C-alpha cells in the first residue's frame, strides 16, 4: 500500500530531511528545499524550490519532480510537460490555501 503525500512529507520532516541534492546530466549538484509532496492522478510529485546555488538562473522558481521510491529512497524525475507541472502546482497551491484556511 502506497503512503499518502502527507505521511511521506511528515516522515521526511520528522527525520530532519527538507533539502535534497540533485545532480544534473553534467554531474553538477544543486540543492533544493522540499516544500511538499502532492498526489496527482495516482502519481506522487515533489514540489521543490532551488536554494542559493551557483549556476541556477535567478528566475528559476518552483520545480516539480515526479517521485518514486527505490529501497525507501526518493528518486526524482524532472517533469518537463508544462501542463502537467502547472496542474501539480495548482493542486499544491489549492491545498496550501485550504491548509491556511483551516488554521484560521
PDB file of N, CA and C in Angstrom:
ATOM      1  N   UNK A   1       0.844  -1.183   0.000  1.00  0.00           N
ATOM      2  CA  UNK A   1       0.000   0.000   0.000  1.00  0.00           C
ATOM      3  C   UNK A   1       0.889   1.246   0.000  1.00  0.00           C
ATOM      4  N   UNK A   2       0.592   2.167  -0.898  1.00  0.00           N
ATOM      5  CA  UNK A   2       1.382   3.388  -1.014  1.00  0.00           C
ATOM      6  C   UNK A   2       0.950   4.394   0.033  1.00  0.00           C
ATOM      7  N   UNK A   3       1.921   5.035   0.671  1.00  0.00           N
ATOM      8  CA  UNK A   3       1.620   6.073   1.648  1.00  0.00           C
ATOM      9  C   UNK A   3       1.105   7.305   0.939  1.00  0.00           C
ATOM     10  N   UNK A   4       0.289   8.099   1.643  1.00  0.00           N
ATOM     11  CA  UNK A   4      -0.161   9.339   1.013  1.00  0.00           C
ATOM     12  C   UNK A   4       0.901  10.422   1.172  1.00  0.00           C
ATOM     13  N   UNK A   5       0.731  11.507   0.420  1.00  0.00           N
ATOM     14  CA  UNK A   5       1.753  12.547   0.370  1.00  0.00           C
ATOM     15  C   UNK A   5       1.985  13.191   1.731  1.00  0.00           C
ATOM     16  N   UNK A   6       0.933  13.366   2.525  1.00  0.00           N
ATOM     17  CA  UNK A   6       1.097  13.996   3.839  1.00  0.00           C
ATOM     18  C   UNK A   6       1.965  13.125   4.742  1.00  0.00           C
ATOM     19  N   UNK A   7       1.747  11.804   4.733  1.00  0.00           N
ATOM     20  CA  UNK A   7       2.557  10.910   5.555  1.00  0.00           C
ATOM     21  C   UNK A   7       4.008  10.903   5.111  1.00  0.00           C
ATOM     22  N   UNK A   8       4.227  10.921   3.804  1.00  0.00           N
ATOM     23  CA  UNK A   8       5.594  10.932   3.294  1.00  0.00           C
ATOM     24  C   UNK A   8       6.302  12.218   3.716  1.00  0.00           C
ATOM     25  N   UNK A   9       5.630  13.360   3.554  1.00  0.00           N
ATOM     26  CA  UNK A   9       6.226  14.635   3.944  1.00  0.00           C
ATOM     27  C   UNK A   9       6.557  14.641   5.433  1.00  0.00           C
ATOM     28  N   UNK A  10       5.609  14.218   6.265  1.00  0.00           N
ATOM     29  CA  UNK A  10       5.848  14.188   7.710  1.00  0.00           C
ATOM     30  C   UNK A  10       7.020  13.292   8.051  1.00  0.00           C
ATOM     31  N   UNK A  11       7.131  12.153   7.361  1.00  0.00           N
ATOM     32  CA  UNK A  11       8.241  11.237   7.587  1.00  0.00           C
ATOM     33  C   UNK A  11       9.583  11.926   7.299  1.00  0.00           C
ATOM     34  N   UNK A  12       9.657  12.655   6.188  1.00  0.00           N
ATOM     35  CA  UNK A  12      10.889  13.349   5.834  1.00  0.00           C
ATOM     36  C   UNK A  12      11.202  14.450   6.840  1.00  0.00           C
ATOM     37  N   UNK A  13      10.211  15.291   7.142  1.00  0.00           N
ATOM     38  CA  UNK A  13      10.456  16.411   8.050  1.00  0.00           C
ATOM     39  C   UNK A  13      10.730  15.941   9.475  1.00  0.00           C
ATOM     40  N   UNK A  14      10.069  14.869   9.920  1.00  0.00           N
ATOM     41  CA  UNK A  14      10.327  14.322  11.254  1.00  0.00           C
ATOM     42  C   UNK A  14      11.760  13.835  11.372  1.00  0.00           C
ATOM     43  N   UNK A  15      12.327  13.392  10.259  1.00  0.00           N
ATOM     44  CA  UNK A  15      13.718  12.929  10.248  1.00  0.00           C
ATOM     45  C   UNK A  15      14.701  14.044   9.900  1.00  0.00           C
ATOM     46  N   UNK A  16      14.208  15.286   9.840  1.00  0.00           N
ATOM     47  CA  UNK A  16      15.075  16.431   9.557  1.00  0.00           C
ATOM     48  C   UNK A  16      15.473  16.561   8.105  1.00  0.00           C
ATOM     49  N   UNK A  17      14.723  15.910   7.205  1.00  0.00           N
ATOM     50  CA  UNK A  17      15.058  15.958   5.788  1.00  0.00           C
ATOM     51  C   UNK A  17      14.121  16.940   5.104  1.00  0.00           C
ATOM     52  N   UNK A  18      14.639  18.098   4.707  1.00  0.00           N
ATOM     53  CA  UNK A  18      13.821  19.032   3.938  1.00  0.00           C
ATOM     54  C   UNK A  18      14.621  19.642   2.798  1.00  0.00           C
ATOM     55  N   UNK A  19      15.832  19.130   2.600  1.00  0.00           N
ATOM     56  CA  UNK A  19      16.629  19.551   1.449  1.00  0.00           C
ATOM     57  C   UNK A  19      17.152  18.306   0.730  1.00  0.00           C
ATOM     58  N   UNK A  20      17.299  18.457  -0.579  1.00  0.00           N
ATOM     59  CA  UNK A  20      17.805  17.378  -1.407  1.00  0.00           C
ATOM     60  C   UNK A  20      18.862  17.924  -2.336  1.00  0.00           C
ATOM     61  N   UNK A  21      19.874  17.125  -2.599  1.00  0.00           N
ATOM     62  CA  UNK A  21      20.875  17.445  -3.599  1.00  0.00           C
ATOM     63  C   UNK A  21      20.556  16.632  -4.835  1.00  0.00           C
ATOM     64  N   UNK A  22      20.298  17.344  -5.926  1.00  0.00           N
ATOM     65  CA  UNK A  22      20.005  16.682  -7.195  1.00  0.00           C
ATOM     66  C   UNK A  22      21.152  16.941  -8.155  1.00  0.00           C
ATOM     67  N   UNK A  23      21.495  15.949  -8.943  1.00  0.00           N
ATOM     68  CA  UNK A  23      22.608  16.035  -9.872  1.00  0.00           C
ATOM     69  C   UNK A  23      22.074  16.056 -11.291  1.00  0.00           C
ATOM     70  N   UNK A  24      22.511  17.049 -12.079  1.00  0.00           N
ATOM     71  CA  UNK A  24      22.044  17.135 -13.465  1.00  0.00           C
ATOM     72  C   UNK A  24      22.831  16.182 -14.352  1.00  0.00           C
ATOM     73  N   UNK A  25      22.498  16.188 -15.642  1.00  0.00           N
ATOM     74  CA  UNK A  25      23.133  15.258 -16.587  1.00  0.00           C
ATOM     75  C   UNK A  25      24.625  15.521 -16.782  1.00  0.00           C
ATOM     76  N   UNK A  26      25.101  16.712 -16.376  1.00  0.00           N
ATOM     77  CA  UNK A  26      26.524  17.034 -16.474  1.00  0.00           C
ATOM     78  C   UNK A  26      27.278  16.738 -15.186  1.00  0.00           C
ATOM     79  N   UNK A  27      26.574  16.168 -14.194  1.00  0.00           N
ATOM     80  CA  UNK A  27      27.211  15.840 -12.926  1.00  0.00           C
ATOM     81  C   UNK A  27      27.301  17.005 -11.952  1.00  0.00           C
ATOM     82  N   UNK A  28      26.575  18.088 -12.229  1.00  0.00           N
ATOM     83  CA  UNK A  28      26.582  19.257 -11.345  1.00  0.00           C
ATOM     84  C   UNK A  28      25.489  19.092 -10.299  1.00  0.00           C
ATOM     85  N   UNK A  29      25.859  19.297  -9.026  1.00  0.00           N
ATOM     86  CA  UNK A  29      24.914  19.169  -7.925  1.00  0.00           C
ATOM     87  C   UNK A  29      24.208  20.487  -7.650  1.00  0.00           C
ATOM     88  N   UNK A  30      22.915  20.382  -7.330  1.00  0.00           N
ATOM     89  CA  UNK A  30      22.104  21.539  -6.970  1.00  0.00           C
ATOM     90  C   UNK A  30      21.304  21.193  -5.722  1.00  0.00           C
ATOM     91  N   UNK A  31      21.187  22.153  -4.817  1.00  0.00           N
ATOM     92  CA  UNK A  31      20.428  21.975  -3.590  1.00  0.00           C
ATOM     93  C   UNK A  31      19.013  22.506  -3.778  1.00  0.00           C
ATOM     94  N   UNK A  32      18.031  21.720  -3.322  1.00  0.00           N
ATOM     95  CA  UNK A  32      16.636  22.113  -3.382  1.00  0.00           C
ATOM     96  C   UNK A  32      15.993  21.921  -2.015  1.00  0.00           C
ATOM     97  N   UNK A  33      15.080  22.826  -1.697  1.00  0.00           N
ATOM     98  CA  UNK A  33      14.292  22.694  -0.477  1.00  0.00           C
ATOM     99  C   UNK A  33      12.943  22.080  -0.843  1.00  0.00           C
ATOM    100  N   UNK A  34      12.520  21.092  -0.072  1.00  0.00           N
ATOM    101  CA  UNK A  34      11.234  20.447  -0.277  1.00  0.00           C
ATOM    102  C   UNK A  34      10.129  21.299   0.326  1.00  0.00           C
ATOM    103  N   UNK A  35       9.172  21.693  -0.497  1.00  0.00           N
ATOM    104  CA  UNK A  35       8.005  22.412   0.007  1.00  0.00           C
ATOM    105  C   UNK A  35       6.904  21.427   0.389  1.00  0.00           C
ATOM    106  N   UNK A  36       6.696  20.419  -0.442  1.00  0.00           N
ATOM    107  CA  UNK A  36       5.620  19.471  -0.177  1.00  0.00           C
ATOM    108  C   UNK A  36       5.656  18.342  -1.195  1.00  0.00           C
ATOM    109  N   UNK A  37       4.907  17.297  -0.901  1.00  0.00           N
ATOM    110  CA  UNK A  37       4.620  16.241  -1.865  1.00  0.00           C
ATOM    111  C   UNK A  37       3.163  16.364  -2.241  1.00  0.00           C
ATOM    112  N   UNK A  38       2.840  16.100  -3.500  1.00  0.00           N
ATOM    113  CA  UNK A  38       1.471  16.207  -3.994  1.00  0.00           C
ATOM    114  C   UNK A  38       1.108  14.917  -4.717  1.00  0.00           C
ATOM    115  N   UNK A  39      -0.033  14.347  -4.329  1.00  0.00           N
ATOM    116  CA  UNK A  39      -0.597  13.230  -5.078  1.00  0.00           C
ATOM    117  C   UNK A  39      -1.419  13.823  -6.208  1.00  0.00           C
ATOM    118  N   UNK A  40      -1.148  13.410  -7.433  1.00  0.00           N
ATOM    119  CA  UNK A  40      -1.911  13.907  -8.570  1.00  0.00           C
ATOM    120  C   UNK A  40      -2.035  12.792  -9.593  1.00  0.00           C
ATOM    121  N   UNK A  41      -3.263  12.425  -9.907  1.00  0.00           N
ATOM    122  CA  UNK A  41      -3.552  11.370 -10.888  1.00  0.00           C
ATOM    123  C   UNK A  41      -2.747  10.097 -10.631  1.00  0.00           C
ATOM    124  N   UNK A  42      -2.789   9.663  -9.382  1.00  0.00           N
ATOM    125  CA  UNK A  42      -2.175   8.410  -8.949  1.00  0.00           C
ATOM    126  C   UNK A  42      -0.651   8.401  -9.025  1.00  0.00           C
ATOM    127  N   UNK A  43      -0.043   9.563  -9.143  1.00  0.00           N
ATOM    128  CA  UNK A  43       1.413   9.677  -9.073  1.00  0.00           C
ATOM    129  C   UNK A  43       1.771  10.642  -7.954  1.00  0.00           C
ATOM    130  N   UNK A  44       2.987  10.535  -7.479  1.00  0.00           N
ATOM    131  CA  UNK A  44       3.468  11.408  -6.419  1.00  0.00           C
ATOM    132  C   UNK A  44       4.483  12.382  -7.005  1.00  0.00           C
ATOM    133  N   UNK A  45       4.340  13.652  -6.642  1.00  0.00           N
ATOM    134  CA  UNK A  45       5.231  14.693  -7.142  1.00  0.00           C
ATOM    135  C   UNK A  45       5.802  15.475  -5.963  1.00  0.00           C
ATOM    136  N   UNK A  46       7.066  15.858  -6.090  1.00  0.00           N
ATOM    137  CA  UNK A  46       7.701  16.727  -5.107  1.00  0.00           C
ATOM    138  C   UNK A  46       7.668  18.146  -5.644  1.00  0.00           C
ATOM    139  N   UNK A  47       7.318  19.064  -4.759  1.00  0.00           N
ATOM    140  CA  UNK A  47       7.348  20.485  -5.092  1.00  0.00           C
ATOM    141  C   UNK A  47       8.601  21.031  -4.403  1.00  0.00           C
ATOM    142  N   UNK A  48       9.558  21.441  -5.216  1.00  0.00           N
ATOM    143  CA  UNK A  48      10.872  21.868  -4.718  1.00  0.00           C
ATOM    144  C   UNK A  48      11.168  23.297  -5.145  1.00  0.00           C
ATOM    145  N   UNK A  49      11.956  23.971  -4.340  1.00  0.00           N
ATOM    146  CA  UNK A  49      12.419  25.309  -4.704  1.00  0.00           C
ATOM    147  C   UNK A  49      13.942  25.297  -4.579  1.00  0.00           C
ATOM    148  N   UNK A  50      14.639  25.850  -5.575  1.00  0.00           N
ATOM    149  CA  UNK A  50      16.102  25.835  -5.518  1.00  0.00           C
ATOM    150  C   UNK A  50      16.613  26.721  -4.392  1.00  0.00           C
ATOM    151  N   UNK A  51      17.639  26.230  -3.708  1.00  0.00           N
ATOM    152  CA  UNK A  51      18.318  27.036  -2.707  1.00  0.00           C
ATOM    153  C   UNK A  51      19.366  27.850  -3.454  1.00  0.00           C
ATOM    154  N   UNK A  52      20.039  28.705  -2.766  1.00  0.00           N
ATOM    155  CA  UNK A  52      21.058  29.514  -3.448  1.00  0.00           C
ATOM    156  C   UNK A  52      22.159  28.601  -3.957  1.00  0.00           C
ATOM    157  N   UNK A  53      22.232  28.501  -5.261  1.00  0.00           N
ATOM    158  CA  UNK A  53      23.221  27.663  -5.931  1.00  0.00           C
ATOM    159  C   UNK A  53      23.860  28.463  -7.050  1.00  0.00           C
ATOM    160  N   UNK A  54      25.154  28.332  -7.193  1.00  0.00           N
ATOM    161  CA  UNK A  54      25.786  28.923  -8.363  1.00  0.00           C
ATOM    162  C   UNK A  54      25.301  28.150  -9.581  1.00  0.00           C
ATOM    163  N   UNK A  55      25.038  28.851 -10.645  1.00  0.00           N
ATOM    164  CA  UNK A  55      24.618  28.194 -11.868  1.00  0.00           C
ATOM    165  C   UNK A  55      23.118  28.097 -12.037  1.00  0.00           C
ATOM    166  N   UNK A  56      22.363  28.386 -10.978  1.00  0.00           N
ATOM    167  CA  UNK A  56      20.905  28.381 -11.128  1.00  0.00           C
ATOM    168  C   UNK A  56      20.467  29.767 -11.524  1.00  0.00           C
ATOM    169  N   UNK A  57      19.644  29.814 -12.533  1.00  0.00           N
ATOM    170  CA  UNK A  57      19.157  31.105 -13.022  1.00  0.00           C
ATOM    171  C   UNK A  57      18.315  31.784 -11.953  1.00  0.00           C
ATOM    172  N   UNK A  58      18.445  33.122 -11.850  1.00  0.00           N
ATOM    173  CA  UNK A  58      17.710  33.878 -10.844  1.00  0.00           C
ATOM    174  C   UNK A  58      16.204  33.730 -10.981  1.00  0.00           C
ATOM    175  N   UNK A  59      15.719  33.541 -12.210  1.00  0.00           N
ATOM    176  CA  UNK A  59      14.276  33.463 -12.402  1.00  0.00           C
ATOM    177  C   UNK A  59      13.723  32.045 -12.261  1.00  0.00           C
ATOM    178  N   UNK A  60      14.575  31.083 -11.899  1.00  0.00           N
ATOM    179  CA  UNK A  60      14.111  29.711 -11.723  1.00  0.00           C
ATOM    180  C   UNK A  60      13.295  29.639 -10.438  1.00  0.00           C
ATOM    181  N   UNK A  61      12.049  29.243 -10.558  1.00  0.00           N
ATOM    182  CA  UNK A  61      11.172  29.186  -9.401  1.00  0.00           C
ATOM    183  C   UNK A  61      10.978  27.765  -8.937  1.00  0.00           C
ATOM    184  N   UNK A  62       9.759  27.463  -8.632  1.00  0.00           N
ATOM    185  CA  UNK A  62       9.403  26.143  -8.133  1.00  0.00           C
ATOM    186  C   UNK A  62       9.631  25.092  -9.219  1.00  0.00           C
ATOM    187  N   UNK A  63      10.131  23.946  -8.792  1.00  0.00           N
ATOM    188  CA  UNK A  63      10.414  22.827  -9.690  1.00  0.00           C
ATOM    189  C   UNK A  63       9.527  21.652  -9.276  1.00  0.00           C
ATOM    190  N   UNK A  64       8.906  21.015 -10.247  1.00  0.00           N
ATOM    191  CA  UNK A  64       8.060  19.856  -9.994  1.00  0.00           C
ATOM    192  C   UNK A  64       8.798  18.606 -10.468  1.00  0.00           C
ATOM    193  N   UNK A  65       8.903  17.622  -9.563  1.00  0.00           N
ATOM    194  CA  UNK A  65       9.600  16.384  -9.878  1.00  0.00           C
ATOM    195  C   UNK A  65       8.699  15.202  -9.553  1.00  0.00           C
ATOM    196  N   UNK A  66       8.524  14.302 -10.528  1.00  0.00           N
ATOM    197  CA  UNK A  66       7.807  13.064 -10.220  1.00  0.00           C
ATOM    198  C   UNK A  66       8.683  12.271  -9.259  1.00  0.00           C
ATOM    199  N   UNK A  67       8.054  11.663  -8.272  1.00  0.00           N
ATOM    200  CA  UNK A  67       8.800  10.997  -7.214  1.00  0.00           C
ATOM    201  C   UNK A  67       8.390   9.539  -7.106  1.00  0.00           C
ATOM    202  N   UNK A  68       9.380   8.672  -7.172  1.00  0.00           N
ATOM    203  CA  UNK A  68       9.180   7.254  -6.901  1.00  0.00           C
ATOM    204  C   UNK A  68      10.171   6.877  -5.809  1.00  0.00           C
ATOM    205  N   UNK A  69      10.033   5.685  -5.281  1.00  0.00           N
ATOM    206  CA  UNK A  69      10.938   5.246  -4.221  1.00  0.00           C
ATOM    207  C   UNK A  69      11.586   3.929  -4.596  1.00  0.00           C
ATOM    208  N   UNK A  70      12.889   3.871  -4.386  1.00  0.00           N
ATOM    209  CA  UNK A  70      13.661   2.652  -4.561  1.00  0.00           C
ATOM    210  C   UNK A  70      14.433   2.429  -3.279  1.00  0.00           C
ATOM    211  N   UNK A  71      14.191   1.291  -2.640  1.00  0.00           N
ATOM    212  CA  UNK A  71      14.830   0.986  -1.357  1.00  0.00           C
ATOM    213  C   UNK A  71      14.604   2.109  -0.339  1.00  0.00           C
ATOM    214  N   UNK A  72      13.368   2.608  -0.282  1.00  0.00           N
ATOM    215  CA  UNK A  72      12.955   3.681   0.635  1.00  0.00           C
ATOM    216  C   UNK A  72      13.672   5.000   0.407  1.00  0.00           C
ATOM    217  N   UNK A  73      14.321   5.160  -0.725  1.00  0.00           N
ATOM    218  CA  UNK A  73      14.971   6.414  -1.083  1.00  0.00           C
ATOM    219  C   UNK A  73      14.209   7.056  -2.234  1.00  0.00           C
ATOM    220  N   UNK A  74      13.986   8.383  -2.162  1.00  0.00           N
ATOM    221  CA  UNK A  74      13.259   9.032  -3.255  1.00  0.00           C
ATOM    222  C   UNK A  74      14.104   9.120  -4.519  1.00  0.00           C
ATOM    223  N   UNK A  75      13.458   8.910  -5.639  1.00  0.00           N
ATOM    224  CA  UNK A  75      14.072   9.086  -6.955  1.00  0.00           C
ATOM    225  C   UNK A  75      13.234  10.145  -7.663  1.00  0.00           C
ATOM    226  N   UNK A  76      13.873  11.249  -8.023  1.00  0.00           N
ATOM    227  CA  UNK A  76      13.175  12.376  -8.629  1.00  0.00           C
ATOM    228  C   UNK A  76      13.414  12.404 -10.138  1.00  0.00           C
ATOM    229  N   UNK A  77      12.334  12.636 -10.883  1.00  0.00           N
ATOM    230  CA  UNK A  77      12.412  12.790 -12.328  1.00  0.00           C
ATOM    231  C   UNK A  77      11.758  14.112 -12.688  1.00  0.00           C
ATOM    232  N   UNK A  78      12.496  14.972 -13.369  1.00  0.00           N
ATOM    233  CA  UNK A  78      12.001  16.287 -13.742  1.00  0.00           C
ATOM    234  C   UNK A  78      10.773  16.166 -14.627  1.00  0.00           C
ATOM    235  N   UNK A  79       9.740  16.939 -14.305  1.00  0.00           N
ATOM    236  CA  UNK A  79       8.523  16.967 -15.114  1.00  0.00           C
ATOM    237  C   UNK A  79       8.713  18.045 -16.171  1.00  0.00           C
ATOM    238  N   UNK A  80       8.882  17.631 -17.426  1.00  0.00           N
ATOM    239  CA  UNK A  80       9.105  18.611 -18.486  1.00  0.00           C
ATOM    240  C   UNK A  80       7.834  18.953 -19.251  1.00  0.00           C
ATOM    241  N   UNK A  81       6.723  18.297 -18.923  1.00  0.00           N
ATOM    242  CA  UNK A  81       5.438  18.633 -19.517  1.00  0.00           C
ATOM    243  C   UNK A  81       4.870  19.828 -18.744  1.00  0.00           C
ATOM    244  N   UNK A  82       4.834  20.988 -19.389  1.00  0.00           N
ATOM    245  CA  UNK A  82       4.427  22.216 -18.711  1.00  0.00           C
ATOM    246  C   UNK A  82       2.998  22.146 -18.186  1.00  0.00           C
ATOM    247  N   UNK A  83       2.090  21.512 -18.938  1.00  0.00           N
ATOM    248  CA  UNK A  83       0.699  21.397 -18.486  1.00  0.00           C
ATOM    249  C   UNK A  83       0.597  20.545 -17.221  1.00  0.00           C
ATOM    250  N   UNK A  84       1.328  19.439 -17.187  1.00  0.00           N
ATOM    251  CA  UNK A  84       1.332  18.576 -16.014  1.00  0.00           C
ATOM    252  C   UNK A  84       1.954  19.300 -14.827  1.00  0.00           C
ATOM    253  N   UNK A  85       3.083  19.945 -15.040  1.00  0.00           N
ATOM    254  CA  UNK A  85       3.738  20.688 -13.958  1.00  0.00           C
ATOM    255  C   UNK A  85       2.809  21.760 -13.401  1.00  0.00           C
ATOM    256  N   UNK A  86       2.110  22.466 -14.281  1.00  0.00           N
ATOM    257  CA  UNK A  86       1.189  23.513 -13.823  1.00  0.00           C
ATOM    258  C   UNK A  86       0.020  22.915 -13.044  1.00  0.00           C
ATOM    259  N   UNK A  87      -0.486  21.776 -13.498  1.00  0.00           N
ATOM    260  CA  UNK A  87      -1.585  21.121 -12.795  1.00  0.00           C
ATOM    261  C   UNK A  87      -1.166  20.691 -11.387  1.00  0.00           C
ATOM    262  N   UNK A  88       0.041  20.152 -11.249  1.00  0.00           N
ATOM    263  CA  UNK A  88       0.557  19.758  -9.937  1.00  0.00           C
ATOM    264  C   UNK A  88       0.752  20.992  -9.065  1.00  0.00           C
ATOM    265  N   UNK A  89       1.304  22.043  -9.643  1.00  0.00           N
ATOM    266  CA  UNK A  89       1.499  23.291  -8.901  1.00  0.00           C
ATOM    267  C   UNK A  89       0.161  23.872  -8.451  1.00  0.00           C
ATOM    268  N   UNK A  90      -0.852  23.816  -9.309  1.00  0.00           N
ATOM    269  CA  UNK A  90      -2.190  24.295  -8.943  1.00  0.00           C
ATOM    270  C   UNK A  90      -2.756  23.479  -7.782  1.00  0.00           C
ATOM    271  N   UNK A  91      -2.559  22.166  -7.833  1.00  0.00           N
ATOM    272  CA  UNK A  91      -3.024  21.290  -6.748  1.00  0.00           C
ATOM    273  C   UNK A  91      -2.307  21.641  -5.442  1.00  0.00           C
ATOM    274  N   UNK A  92      -1.004  21.853  -5.512  1.00  0.00           N
ATOM    275  CA  UNK A  92      -0.221  22.262  -4.338  1.00  0.00           C
ATOM    276  C   UNK A  92      -0.754  23.577  -3.779  1.00  0.00           C
ATOM    277  N   UNK A  93      -0.973  24.571  -4.644  1.00  0.00           N
ATOM    278  CA  UNK A  93      -1.442  25.890  -4.204  1.00  0.00           C
ATOM    279  C   UNK A  93      -2.837  25.791  -3.599  1.00  0.00           C
ATOM    280  N   UNK A  94      -3.691  24.993  -4.205  1.00  0.00           N
ATOM    281  CA  UNK A  94      -5.043  24.814  -3.698  1.00  0.00           C
ATOM    282  C   UNK A  94      -5.025  24.196  -2.312  1.00  0.00           C
ATOM    283  N   UNK A  95      -4.198  23.186  -2.143  1.00  0.00           N
ATOM    284  CA  UNK A  95      -4.098  22.524  -0.843  1.00  0.00           C
ATOM    285  C   UNK A  95      -3.471  23.447   0.191  1.00  0.00           C
ATOM    286  N   UNK A  96      -2.463  24.211  -0.220  1.00  0.00           N
ATOM    287  CA  UNK A  96      -1.832  25.160   0.705  1.00  0.00           C
ATOM    288  C   UNK A  96      -2.839  26.213   1.143  1.00  0.00           C
ATOM    289  N   UNK A  97      -3.668  26.694   0.211  1.00  0.00           N
ATOM    290  CA  UNK A  97      -4.707  27.663   0.557  1.00  0.00           C
ATOM    291  C   UNK A  97      -5.698  27.061   1.536  1.00  0.00           C
ATOM    292  N   UNK A  98      -6.095  25.799   1.310  1.00  0.00           N
ATOM    293  CA  UNK A  98      -7.028  25.127   2.216  1.00  0.00           C
ATOM    294  C   UNK A  98      -6.418  24.924   3.592  1.00  0.00           C
ATOM    295  N   UNK A  99      -5.131  24.573   3.657  1.00  0.00           N
ATOM    296  CA  UNK A  99      -4.451  24.412   4.938  1.00  0.00           C
ATOM    297  C   UNK A  99      -4.407  25.722   5.696  1.00  0.00           C
ATOM    298  N   UNK A 100      -4.123  26.820   4.986  1.00  0.00           N
ATOM    299  CA  UNK A 100      -4.101  28.144   5.623  1.00  0.00           C
ATOM    300  C   UNK A 100      -5.483  28.497   6.151  1.00  0.00           C
ATOM    301  N   UNK A 101      -6.517  28.172   5.383  1.00  0.00           N
ATOM    302  CA  UNK A 101      -7.887  28.491   5.771  1.00  0.00           C
ATOM    303  C   UNK A 101      -8.271  27.698   7.025  1.00  0.00           C
ATOM    304  N   UNK A 102      -7.877  26.425   7.094  1.00  0.00           N
ATOM    305  CA  UNK A 102      -8.206  25.582   8.231  1.00  0.00           C
ATOM    306  C   UNK A 102      -7.510  26.032   9.507  1.00  0.00           C
ATOM    307  N   UNK A 103      -6.332  26.668   9.393  1.00  0.00           N
ATOM    308  CA  UNK A 103      -5.593  27.119  10.563  1.00  0.00           C
ATOM    309  C   UNK A 103      -6.217  28.345  11.188  1.00  0.00           C
ATOM    310  N   UNK A 104      -7.004  29.123  10.423  1.00  0.00           N
ATOM    311  CA  UNK A 104      -7.634  30.337  10.955  1.00  0.00           C
ATOM    312  C   UNK A 104      -8.712  30.059  11.959  1.00  0.00           C
TER     313      UNK A 104
END
